[in-house]
Each structure stands twice: as C-alpha cells, then as structure tokens.
C-alpha cells in the first residue's frame, strides 16, 4: 500500500495498523529485534523516503474496510491485488467506516 501511495504521488499518508506491537516497532524505526525483520526492514525503508507518513494503532472494528481487504488477501495469490469498485461488500464496509466505528469492544488495560 505504501509503495502504491508513493508511486501515485501521495506525500502525506496515514497508516492504521491493528497490531499495537507493529506500530511500536515501526515508530522506533528499529526492526532488528523483530522476527519478521525482512518485512519490517522493507516498511522502514519506505518510511525513510521524503514524505509524511503517520502510523497509528486502530482496532479492526475501527477499520472494517481494511479488515475485509486483509481477510481477502489470505485467499488471493501472492503479489499486488486490486479490488473492483463493483465489490459490493467492500463498498458497504467503506460506507460503514465513513459513519465511524460503532461495535463495542472490551479492552483490558495493564496497570
């Protein structure tokens, strides 16, 4: 996604991840301790380009569209995938996300 955003000329990008751990690793700009180091290093290299990329954690209930696309990715071949505008399920999740999250979620906070 970041590579595509760069190629399309976007220079201010907001990235939302449903893994708080991944956000913390990427915000530290240090992936050596990550067991998925190759993926992390590729992501970090993209972040170092001359653009503004903000990273934030969001629960999957807060971005159902991204969650839907990610779940479709598990069933797709490797490589770049695009989704047609006629994908009615995707369109419905986009509309849902535009209205704001409304699903309750229990979050336990360590003290």
Protein backbone atom coordinates (compact mmCIF):
# COMPACT_ATOMS: atom_id res chain seq x y z
CA UNK A 1 0.00 0.00 0.00
CA UNK A 2 2.78 2.42 0.86
CA UNK A 3 4.63 1.65 -2.35
CA UNK A 4 1.45 2.31 -4.36
CA UNK A 5 0.80 5.56 -2.48
CA UNK A 6 4.36 6.69 -3.29
CA UNK A 7 4.02 5.78 -6.97
CA UNK A 8 0.71 7.67 -7.21
CA UNK A 9 2.38 10.78 -5.80
CA UNK A 10 0.82 10.89 -2.36
CA UNK A 11 3.19 12.56 0.11
CA UNK A 12 1.01 12.71 3.21
CA UNK A 13 -0.23 9.25 4.18
CA UNK A 14 -1.95 7.89 7.26
CA UNK A 15 -1.32 4.20 8.07
CA UNK A 16 -3.55 2.41 10.56
CA UNK A 17 -2.45 -0.99 11.86
CA UNK A 18 -4.39 -3.34 14.10
CA UNK A 19 -1.17 -4.51 15.77
CA UNK A 20 -0.01 -2.17 18.52
CA UNK A 21 3.29 -4.08 18.64
CA UNK A 22 3.92 -3.46 14.93
CA UNK A 23 3.18 0.25 15.35
CA UNK A 24 5.66 0.47 18.23
CA UNK A 25 8.40 -1.33 16.28
CA UNK A 26 7.91 0.88 13.24
CA UNK A 27 7.71 4.09 15.25
CA UNK A 28 11.04 3.24 16.90
CA UNK A 29 12.46 2.84 13.37
CA UNK A 30 14.30 -0.24 14.57
CA UNK A 31 13.40 -3.70 13.29
CA UNK A 32 16.42 -5.78 14.28
CA UNK A 33 14.63 -7.45 17.17
CA UNK A 34 11.57 -8.32 15.10
CA UNK A 35 11.21 -11.91 13.96
CA UNK A 36 9.67 -10.60 10.73
CA UNK A 37 12.73 -8.49 10.10
CA UNK A 38 12.65 -8.62 6.27
CA UNK A 39 9.10 -7.21 6.11
CA UNK A 40 9.91 -4.68 8.82
CA UNK A 41 13.06 -3.52 7.03
CA UNK A 42 11.12 -3.02 3.77
CA UNK A 43 8.50 -0.98 5.60
CA UNK A 44 11.18 1.09 7.36
CA UNK A 45 12.90 1.78 4.03
CA UNK A 46 9.60 3.15 2.68
CA UNK A 47 9.18 5.35 5.76
CA UNK A 48 12.60 6.92 5.17
CA UNK A 49 11.53 8.45 1.86
CA UNK A 50 10.82 12.17 1.58
CA UNK A 51 7.20 12.16 2.68
CA UNK A 52 5.00 12.37 5.75
CA UNK A 53 3.67 9.03 6.98
CA UNK A 54 1.80 8.81 10.28
CA UNK A 55 1.37 5.46 11.98
CA UNK A 56 -1.37 4.68 14.45
CA UNK A 57 -2.97 1.69 16.10
CA UNK A 58 -6.64 1.04 15.43
CA UNK A 59 -8.71 -1.95 16.45
CA UNK A 60 -10.03 -3.93 13.50
CA UNK A 61 -13.55 -2.86 14.45
CA UNK A 62 -12.41 0.70 13.75
CA UNK A 63 -11.43 -0.06 10.15
CA UNK A 64 -13.67 -2.79 8.79
CA UNK A 65 -12.72 -1.98 5.21
CA UNK A 66 -9.04 -2.76 5.85
CA UNK A 67 -10.02 -5.85 7.81
CA UNK A 68 -12.10 -7.08 4.87
CA UNK A 69 -9.27 -6.47 2.40
CA UNK A 70 -6.79 -8.26 4.68
CA UNK A 71 -9.09 -11.26 5.01
CA UNK A 72 -9.44 -11.41 1.22
CA UNK A 73 -5.66 -11.35 0.94
CA UNK A 74 -5.42 -14.72 2.66
CA UNK A 75 -7.38 -16.25 -0.21
CA UNK A 76 -5.53 -14.43 -3.02
CA UNK A 77 -2.33 -15.30 -4.86
CA UNK A 78 0.88 -13.54 -3.83
CA UNK A 79 1.55 -10.15 -5.37
CA UNK A 80 -0.36 -6.93 -5.84
CA UNK A 81 -4.14 -7.23 -5.65
CA UNK A 82 -6.74 -4.62 -6.54
CA UNK A 83 -10.45 -4.69 -5.88
CA UNK A 84 -13.10 -3.57 -8.35
CA UNK A 85 -15.38 -0.69 -7.43
CA UNK A 86 -18.25 -3.12 -8.05
CA UNK A 87 -17.27 -5.21 -4.98
CA UNK A 88 -20.47 -4.50 -3.05
CA UNK A 89 -19.13 -5.94 0.19
CA UNK A 90 -16.15 -3.60 0.04
CA UNK A 91 -18.40 -0.64 -0.76
CA UNK A 92 -20.62 -1.47 2.23
CA UNK A 93 -17.59 -1.58 4.57
CA UNK A 94 -16.36 1.75 3.19
CA UNK A 95 -19.76 3.27 3.96
CA UNK A 96 -19.72 1.69 7.43
CA UNK A 97 -16.26 3.09 8.18
CA UNK A 98 -17.27 6.56 6.99
CA UNK A 99 -20.01 6.58 9.65
CA UNK A 100 -17.49 5.79 12.40
CA UNK A 101 -17.00 2.66 14.48
CA UNK A 102 -19.98 1.54 16.48
CA UNK A 103 -19.06 -2.01 17.51
CA UNK A 104 -18.34 -2.41 21.21
CA UNK A 105 -15.02 -3.96 22.21
CA UNK A 106 -13.72 -4.91 25.64
CA UNK A 107 -10.16 -3.66 26.08
CA UNK A 108 -8.15 -4.72 29.10
CA UNK A 109 -5.53 -2.21 30.14
CA UNK A 110 -2.49 -3.46 32.04
CA UNK A 111 -1.68 -1.38 35.11
